[in-house]
Structures are given as C-alpha cells and as structure tokens.
C-alpha cells in the first residue's frame, strides 16, 4: 500500500460486517466510507472520489449487479471488488463479465478481511499499471510527433538548400555558351535534382524507407525535359514505369543513373537542330528483378565510334550500377541507342 490512506467505499447491508471491515481495515491504512445499500453507495460514489469500491451482492432494493452497473456508468469509476456468498460462483463470474475488477467470497473472520485487503491491493496495482501504460503511450505519441515535426523541418531545409544549389548552378550555366562546360553544369544540376526528388517524396509522404518509383520517375522526366530542351533542339523525356516501391538509397542511385543516361542521349543522340525523344522504361522481370531501360531514336553508336564528352557520365553509371549489383547492356538499334540494366530490388 502507499503511504497515503486508501479511500475505500464499502457497500453492504450487513451492519456487523460493515463494522468489522471498518475496524480491521482502518488499522491497515484504509480511509473507509460505509453504505448500507446500493442507492446510498451510488450517492456516495457520485459525491466523493474513492480509490476502490467493494459491493455486496445480496442487498434490498438494488442488488450488487444493478449497483455495479450504475457505478460503472460514472465518469471515472474506480476498480470495483464484488462480494458474493460462499455458493455464488456463477454470480461472481457474472460480476466479472459485467466489469468488476475482482471478487471475494464473503465469510466472517480475519480470512475475509485478508482476502479483501489482497483483492484491493491487486486491483490498485492493476490500476497503477494501466495508468502507467497509458501515460507511457501518451509520452511515446508525443515523442513521435516531436520527431516527426523535426524530420519534416529537416527535410524542408534540405529541400530548400538543394533547390537553391540547383538554382545557382542553372544561373551559372545560363551565362555560358553552348559547350561542354555548360553541359557539365546542367548534368550536375540534374544529379542534385535526382536527390532532391527523393527528398521531396520523403517530405510529402513521411515514408523514409522507400520511394514510389512511378511517381518519382514521372517527376524526374519532367525536370529532365525542362533542363535539356531548347527552342532549336527540343527534347522530350518520357517515363513509363510499373507501380513499385524501392528502398530510398537505391532510388537515389537509380535516379542518378537515369540522369546520366538521359543527359547523354539528349546531348549526343540527335543533331542539334532536331527534335528528339528519350524514353525511361522501368519494369519487373518474371524472376522479380527490376529492369531499367533508357532509349532514344537517334543516330546510334557504332562499334568504331569515338567516345564523346569527358566520359565522366559513363564512369558514374558504371560505379552506380556496381552499387546496385546491376548488370549493364548497351545496344545500338536502327535507329537509336538503348542502355538497359537489371538488379535485385531487395
């Protein structure tokens, strides 16, 4: 028991038993209020706060089950211990089903007092455990909400910083003439953009573990079109992706690979004064592997053709593909060029 008195409401029509309970439990740290019937007990429970209530079954006017039902309708009813006669096992079971916390078989003597005290102690312990559990759950919810707010703030700041970096690179590229320097800046902008798209997904959905690739690639294709198209050399990037989820780090890697392959196609597949389309196709094979294809309808790439550009994009693609455990296949079509890779999404 706690150092403070346990406030007990004892409802019983037997005056001798009421006096016994008051005398014996009063010496064990209980502050006891007595009620002679259900109506009197209900009125006491409505007017005062108690830690525990004991209700006898056999009472005139309103029996124990009726009293229990009325008590449980109170806004904050404490645990109720039901008191039954020696042969009232079925009544005890009915009381427990109705909402009693425990029951005690009535008798005269110290055994009854000890059973009551033990039942009260166990009921109060259960109440303390339940309240502690509820408080822990409230604290956990509050903590999760704080962490969620912090994560959203971090994602928001990261997204802003990435967008600012992309804007700076775009401004720098806009003042450069057409050529490798300008293309290198635009390619860097798109690498950052691939990461920024994943960050925006995390911010919007709150799911930090995986990315919906169909939505991700649609947004990425739109940005790539805006980056690489120009009035004299229109470029259209189209994404066709099956609905699937991919781990966040793999989605970032895949996005950077796509940026490099699309950049190469936009720069080298078509003549500078021709329109052209680049397609991003994502699907799953029969064995569950993910297959990515980036293809165009340009001039293709012959066996003896010289490598264009610095070759950094190709090195990045190979390095990123190794990180995915992917195999790469490059094919020159007629017309066009196609690069495919497969990897295990797990």
Protein backbone atom coordinates (compact mmCIF):
# COMPACT_ATOMS: atom_id res chain seq x y z
CA UNK A 1 0.00 0.00 0.00
CA UNK A 2 1.05 3.63 -0.46
CA UNK A 3 1.83 5.96 2.44
CA UNK A 4 -1.43 7.85 1.85
CA UNK A 5 -4.68 6.21 3.09
CA UNK A 6 -6.56 4.15 0.54
CA UNK A 7 -10.04 5.63 0.14
CA UNK A 8 -12.50 2.71 0.26
CA UNK A 9 -16.26 2.74 -0.26
CA UNK A 10 -17.74 -0.42 1.25
CA UNK A 11 -21.37 -1.14 0.27
CA UNK A 12 -23.08 -3.90 2.29
CA UNK A 13 -26.46 -4.21 4.05
CA UNK A 14 -24.95 -6.28 6.89
CA UNK A 15 -24.16 -3.83 9.73
CA UNK A 16 -21.96 -6.32 11.60
CA UNK A 17 -19.81 -6.92 8.54
CA UNK A 18 -19.58 -3.19 7.85
CA UNK A 19 -18.29 -2.59 11.40
CA UNK A 20 -15.78 -5.45 11.06
CA UNK A 21 -14.45 -4.08 7.78
CA UNK A 22 -14.19 -0.57 9.19
CA UNK A 23 -12.41 -1.71 12.35
CA UNK A 24 -9.93 -4.12 10.74
CA UNK A 25 -9.12 -2.28 7.50
CA UNK A 26 -8.98 1.04 9.31
CA UNK A 27 -5.86 -0.19 11.08
CA UNK A 28 -4.29 -1.21 7.72
CA UNK A 29 -4.18 2.21 6.12
CA UNK A 30 -7.70 2.49 4.68
CA UNK A 31 -9.95 5.54 4.89
CA UNK A 32 -13.39 3.91 4.83
CA UNK A 33 -16.84 5.19 3.87
CA UNK A 34 -19.74 2.80 4.59
CA UNK A 35 -23.01 2.48 2.68
CA UNK A 36 -25.94 0.28 3.71
CA UNK A 37 -27.40 -0.32 0.22
CA UNK A 38 -26.84 0.33 -3.46
CA UNK A 39 -28.63 3.67 -3.56
CA UNK A 40 -26.62 5.02 -0.63
CA UNK A 41 -23.39 3.69 -2.13
CA UNK A 42 -24.13 5.22 -5.55
CA UNK A 43 -24.83 8.60 -3.94
CA UNK A 44 -21.53 8.42 -2.04
CA UNK A 45 -19.62 7.50 -5.22
CA UNK A 46 -21.19 10.42 -7.05
CA UNK A 47 -20.22 12.87 -4.31
CA UNK A 48 -16.68 11.75 -3.42
CA UNK A 49 -13.58 10.29 -5.01
CA UNK A 50 -12.58 6.77 -3.98
CA UNK A 51 -9.61 4.57 -4.84
CA UNK A 52 -11.59 1.33 -4.70
CA UNK A 53 -15.18 0.17 -4.07
CA UNK A 54 -16.49 -3.10 -2.61
CA UNK A 55 -20.08 -4.14 -3.42
CA UNK A 56 -22.03 -6.94 -1.76
CA UNK A 57 -24.43 -8.90 -3.96
CA UNK A 58 -27.41 -9.57 -1.69
CA UNK A 59 -28.91 -6.17 -0.85
CA UNK A 60 -32.52 -4.97 -0.72
CA UNK A 61 -33.87 -2.57 -3.34
CA UNK A 62 -30.94 -2.64 -5.73
CA UNK A 63 -28.72 -5.73 -5.69
CA UNK A 64 -24.99 -5.86 -6.31
CA UNK A 65 -25.15 -6.38 -10.08
CA UNK A 66 -27.51 -3.44 -10.50
CA UNK A 67 -25.33 -1.31 -8.25
CA UNK A 68 -22.23 -2.36 -10.23
CA UNK A 69 -23.90 -1.38 -13.49
CA UNK A 70 -24.79 2.08 -12.15
CA UNK A 71 -21.33 2.59 -10.68
CA UNK A 72 -19.63 1.75 -13.96
CA UNK A 73 -21.68 4.47 -15.64
CA UNK A 74 -19.91 7.12 -13.56
CA UNK A 75 -17.35 9.25 -15.48
CA UNK A 76 -14.35 7.86 -13.59
CA UNK A 77 -15.36 4.78 -11.66
CA UNK A 78 -12.56 3.25 -9.55
CA UNK A 79 -11.99 -0.54 -9.56
CA UNK A 80 -14.90 -2.46 -8.05
CA UNK A 81 -14.43 -5.66 -5.99
CA UNK A 82 -17.57 -7.79 -5.91
CA UNK A 83 -18.50 -9.62 -2.69
CA UNK A 84 -20.51 -12.84 -3.04
CA UNK A 85 -21.77 -15.62 -0.82
CA UNK A 86 -19.91 -18.90 -0.48
CA UNK A 87 -22.09 -20.66 -3.08
CA UNK A 88 -22.34 -17.81 -5.57
CA UNK A 89 -19.63 -18.74 -8.07
CA UNK A 90 -21.90 -18.03 -11.02
CA UNK A 91 -22.72 -14.60 -9.62
CA UNK A 92 -19.01 -13.87 -9.28
CA UNK A 93 -18.45 -14.82 -12.91
CA UNK A 94 -21.40 -12.64 -13.94
CA UNK A 95 -19.93 -9.72 -11.99
CA UNK A 96 -16.56 -10.10 -13.67
CA UNK A 97 -18.23 -10.16 -17.09
CA UNK A 98 -20.18 -7.03 -16.14
CA UNK A 99 -16.99 -5.14 -15.34
CA UNK A 100 -15.97 -5.94 -11.76
CA UNK A 101 -12.20 -5.90 -11.27
CA UNK A 102 -12.13 -8.82 -8.80
CA UNK A 103 -14.37 -10.76 -6.42
CA UNK A 104 -14.16 -12.07 -2.83
CA UNK A 105 -16.25 -14.82 -1.21
CA UNK A 106 -17.93 -13.49 1.92
CA UNK A 107 -17.22 -15.02 5.32
CA UNK A 108 -16.96 -13.89 8.93
CA UNK A 109 -13.46 -13.54 10.35
CA UNK A 110 -9.95 -12.48 9.59
CA UNK A 111 -9.69 -14.59 6.42
CA UNK A 112 -12.35 -12.43 4.79
CA UNK A 113 -10.55 -9.24 5.79
CA UNK A 114 -7.27 -10.53 4.43
CA UNK A 115 -8.94 -11.58 1.16
CA UNK A 116 -10.49 -8.13 0.85
CA UNK A 117 -7.17 -6.40 1.54
CA UNK A 118 -5.39 -8.60 -1.01
CA UNK A 119 -8.09 -8.01 -3.65
CA UNK A 120 -7.93 -4.25 -3.08
CA UNK A 121 -4.13 -4.25 -3.34
CA UNK A 122 -4.18 -6.22 -6.60
CA UNK A 123 -6.89 -4.01 -8.08
CA UNK A 124 -4.95 -0.86 -7.20
CA UNK A 125 -1.78 -2.34 -8.66
CA UNK A 126 -3.61 -3.07 -11.91
CA UNK A 127 -4.91 0.48 -11.98
CA UNK A 128 -1.40 1.87 -11.45
CA UNK A 129 -0.01 -0.37 -14.18
CA UNK A 130 -2.78 0.60 -16.58
CA UNK A 131 -2.27 4.31 -15.89
CA UNK A 132 1.49 3.95 -16.26
CA UNK A 133 0.96 2.15 -19.59
CA UNK A 134 -1.43 4.84 -20.80
CA UNK A 135 0.99 7.57 -19.76
CA UNK A 136 3.86 5.80 -21.50
CA UNK A 137 1.75 5.54 -24.65
CA UNK A 138 0.90 9.25 -24.46
CA UNK A 139 4.56 10.10 -23.96
CA UNK A 140 5.52 7.89 -26.91
CA UNK A 141 2.92 9.52 -29.16
CA UNK A 142 4.11 12.97 -28.11
CA UNK A 143 7.73 11.96 -28.73
CA UNK A 144 6.86 10.57 -32.17
CA UNK A 145 5.03 13.78 -33.02
CA UNK A 146 8.05 15.85 -31.99
CA UNK A 147 10.38 13.63 -34.02
CA UNK A 148 8.01 13.80 -36.99
CA UNK A 149 7.95 17.59 -36.79
CA UNK A 150 11.75 17.66 -36.57
CA UNK A 151 12.07 15.32 -39.55
CA UNK A 152 9.70 17.46 -41.61
CA UNK A 153 11.69 20.56 -40.71
CA UNK A 154 14.99 18.88 -41.65
CA UNK A 155 13.55 17.64 -44.94
CA UNK A 156 12.16 21.10 -45.64
CA UNK A 157 15.51 22.77 -45.03
CA UNK A 158 17.38 20.17 -47.08
CA UNK A 159 14.90 20.58 -49.94
CA UNK A 160 15.33 24.35 -49.85
CA UNK A 161 19.12 24.06 -49.83
CA UNK A 162 19.13 21.60 -52.72
CA UNK A 163 16.77 23.82 -54.71
CA UNK A 164 18.94 26.85 -54.02
CA UNK A 165 22.04 24.96 -55.15
CA UNK A 166 20.29 23.89 -58.34
CA UNK A 167 19.23 27.49 -59.00
CA UNK A 168 22.79 28.74 -58.57
CA UNK A 169 24.08 26.11 -61.00
CA UNK A 170 21.36 26.97 -63.50
CA UNK A 171 22.21 30.67 -63.27
CA UNK A 172 25.87 29.90 -63.90
CA UNK A 173 25.03 27.61 -66.84
CA UNK A 174 22.75 30.23 -68.40
CA UNK A 175 25.62 32.69 -68.90
CA UNK A 176 27.87 30.11 -70.56
CA UNK A 177 27.82 29.41 -74.31
CA UNK A 178 26.79 26.04 -75.64
CA UNK A 179 29.51 23.50 -74.99
CA UNK A 180 30.99 21.00 -72.56
CA UNK A 181 31.25 23.46 -69.67
CA UNK A 182 27.59 24.36 -69.85
CA UNK A 183 26.57 20.73 -70.29
CA UNK A 184 28.68 19.72 -67.30
CA UNK A 185 26.88 22.24 -65.10
CA UNK A 186 23.48 21.09 -66.34
CA UNK A 187 24.42 17.46 -65.68
CA UNK A 188 25.49 18.37 -62.14
CA UNK A 189 22.20 20.18 -61.68
CA UNK A 190 20.29 17.05 -62.65
CA UNK A 191 22.34 14.84 -60.32
CA UNK A 192 21.33 17.11 -57.48
CA UNK A 193 17.78 17.10 -58.83
CA UNK A 194 17.62 13.30 -58.63
CA UNK A 195 18.43 13.54 -54.92
CA UNK A 196 16.05 16.47 -54.43
CA UNK A 197 13.14 14.50 -55.89
CA UNK A 198 13.66 11.71 -53.37
CA UNK A 199 13.87 14.28 -50.58
CA UNK A 200 10.59 15.85 -51.68
CA UNK A 201 9.00 12.40 -51.67
CA UNK A 202 10.18 11.80 -48.11
CA UNK A 203 8.87 15.20 -47.06
CA UNK A 204 5.48 14.71 -48.73
CA UNK A 205 4.76 11.12 -47.68
CA UNK A 206 6.66 10.76 -44.40
CA UNK A 207 7.90 7.37 -45.60
CA UNK A 208 11.68 7.41 -45.18
CA UNK A 209 12.21 3.77 -46.14
CA UNK A 210 11.02 3.53 -49.72
CA UNK A 211 10.09 5.59 -52.79
CA UNK A 212 7.22 5.06 -55.26
CA UNK A 213 9.21 4.80 -58.49
CA UNK A 214 6.37 5.52 -60.91
CA UNK A 215 5.71 8.91 -59.28
CA UNK A 216 9.41 9.62 -58.82
CA UNK A 217 10.34 8.91 -62.45
CA UNK A 218 7.41 10.94 -63.80
CA UNK A 219 8.62 14.00 -61.91
CA UNK A 220 12.24 13.33 -62.84
CA UNK A 221 11.34 13.01 -66.55
CA UNK A 222 9.52 16.34 -66.45
CA UNK A 223 12.54 18.09 -64.92
CA UNK A 224 14.92 16.46 -67.38
CA UNK A 225 12.78 17.68 -70.27
CA UNK A 226 12.87 21.25 -68.93
CA UNK A 227 16.65 21.06 -68.49
CA UNK A 228 17.69 19.63 -71.85
CA UNK A 229 15.13 21.08 -74.24
CA UNK A 230 15.68 24.36 -76.10
CA UNK A 231 13.87 26.18 -78.92
CA UNK A 232 16.33 24.98 -81.55
CA UNK A 233 16.76 21.47 -80.09
CA UNK A 234 13.51 20.30 -78.41
CA UNK A 235 13.90 17.25 -76.20
CA UNK A 236 11.07 15.21 -74.68
CA UNK A 237 11.78 12.78 -71.85
CA UNK A 238 9.03 10.22 -71.22
CA UNK A 239 8.79 7.86 -68.24
CA UNK A 240 6.91 4.55 -68.33
CA UNK A 241 7.16 2.78 -65.01
CA UNK A 242 5.23 -0.01 -63.38
CA UNK A 243 3.97 0.85 -59.88
CA UNK A 244 6.67 -0.35 -57.47
CA UNK A 245 8.50 0.68 -54.31
CA UNK A 246 12.28 0.81 -53.95
CA UNK A 247 14.48 1.46 -50.94
CA UNK A 248 15.36 5.14 -50.62
CA UNK A 249 19.12 4.79 -51.15
CA UNK A 250 18.59 2.60 -54.21
CA UNK A 251 16.06 5.10 -55.60
CA UNK A 252 18.68 7.87 -55.35
CA UNK A 253 21.25 5.70 -57.11
CA UNK A 254 18.77 4.79 -59.83
CA UNK A 255 17.84 8.46 -60.30
CA UNK A 256 21.46 9.50 -60.82
CA UNK A 257 21.97 6.68 -63.35
CA UNK A 258 18.88 7.85 -65.25
CA UNK A 259 20.10 11.45 -65.23
CA UNK A 260 23.43 10.43 -66.77
CA UNK A 261 21.87 8.21 -69.45
CA UNK A 262 19.24 10.79 -70.38
CA UNK A 263 21.84 13.57 -70.49
CA UNK A 264 23.99 11.54 -72.89
CA UNK A 265 21.00 10.83 -75.11
CA UNK A 266 19.84 14.46 -75.14
CA UNK A 267 23.33 15.73 -75.96
CA UNK A 268 24.55 13.18 -78.49
CA UNK A 269 21.66 11.11 -79.94
CA UNK A 270 20.14 13.83 -82.10
CA UNK A 271 21.50 16.61 -84.26
CA UNK A 272 21.48 19.99 -82.56
CA UNK A 273 18.70 21.29 -84.80
CA UNK A 274 16.43 18.24 -84.49
CA UNK A 275 13.71 17.34 -82.02
CA UNK A 276 14.10 14.07 -80.17
CA UNK A 277 12.51 11.81 -77.57
CA UNK A 278 14.20 9.86 -74.79
CA UNK A 279 12.26 7.12 -73.03
CA UNK A 280 12.75 5.82 -69.48
CA UNK A 281 11.16 2.37 -69.09
CA UNK A 282 11.01 0.57 -65.74
CA UNK A 283 9.54 -2.89 -65.31
CA UNK A 284 9.96 -6.12 -63.35
CA UNK A 285 11.00 -9.43 -64.86
CA UNK A 286 9.42 -12.80 -64.18
CA UNK A 287 12.03 -13.55 -61.51
CA UNK A 288 11.31 -10.30 -59.66
CA UNK A 289 14.35 -8.31 -60.80
CA UNK A 290 13.96 -4.65 -61.75
CA UNK A 291 14.80 -3.75 -65.35
CA UNK A 292 15.61 -0.15 -66.34
CA UNK A 293 15.90 0.87 -69.99
CA UNK A 294 16.81 4.31 -71.35
CA UNK A 295 16.44 4.52 -75.13
CA UNK A 296 16.29 7.05 -77.94
CA UNK A 297 15.66 7.11 -81.68
CA UNK A 298 18.86 8.89 -82.60
CA UNK A 299 21.85 8.04 -84.71
CA UNK A 300 23.01 5.16 -82.56
CA UNK A 301 26.58 4.39 -81.55
CA UNK A 302 28.69 2.31 -83.89
CA UNK A 303 31.44 -0.05 -82.80
CA UNK A 304 34.20 2.22 -84.07
CA UNK A 305 32.62 5.50 -82.94
CA UNK A 306 34.65 7.72 -80.69
CA UNK A 307 33.51 8.44 -77.17
CA UNK A 308 32.02 11.92 -76.90
CA UNK A 309 32.43 14.20 -73.91
CA UNK A 310 34.66 13.61 -70.93
CA UNK A 311 33.43 10.10 -70.19
CA UNK A 312 32.51 11.11 -66.61
CA UNK A 313 28.89 10.15 -67.15
CA UNK A 314 29.82 6.64 -68.25
CA UNK A 315 32.09 6.21 -65.26
CA UNK A 316 29.35 7.40 -62.93
CA UNK A 317 26.83 4.98 -64.45
CA UNK A 318 29.21 2.04 -64.08
CA UNK A 319 30.06 2.97 -60.48
CA UNK A 320 26.41 3.44 -59.52
CA UNK A 321 25.42 0.21 -61.27
CA UNK A 322 28.02 -1.68 -59.25
CA UNK A 323 26.45 -0.24 -56.12
CA UNK A 324 23.10 -1.73 -57.17
CA UNK A 325 24.68 -5.03 -58.16
CA UNK A 326 23.33 -4.40 -61.66
CA UNK A 327 24.43 -5.74 -64.99
CA UNK A 328 24.52 -3.24 -67.90
CA UNK A 329 23.72 -3.95 -71.53
CA UNK A 330 24.20 -1.28 -74.25
CA UNK A 331 22.74 -1.88 -77.72
CA UNK A 332 22.77 0.22 -80.87
CA UNK A 333 19.43 -0.07 -82.67
CA UNK A 334 18.41 1.08 -86.11
CA UNK A 335 17.66 3.81 -85.38
CA UNK A 336 18.55 4.68 -81.82
CA UNK A 337 20.52 3.52 -78.84
CA UNK A 338 19.40 1.57 -75.80
CA UNK A 339 21.01 1.04 -72.37
CA UNK A 340 19.48 -1.47 -70.01
CA UNK A 341 20.38 -2.70 -66.55
CA UNK A 342 18.85 -5.23 -64.18
CA UNK A 343 19.18 -5.52 -60.42
CA UNK A 344 17.61 -7.15 -57.41
CA UNK A 345 15.26 -4.69 -55.64
CA UNK A 346 15.71 -6.38 -52.24
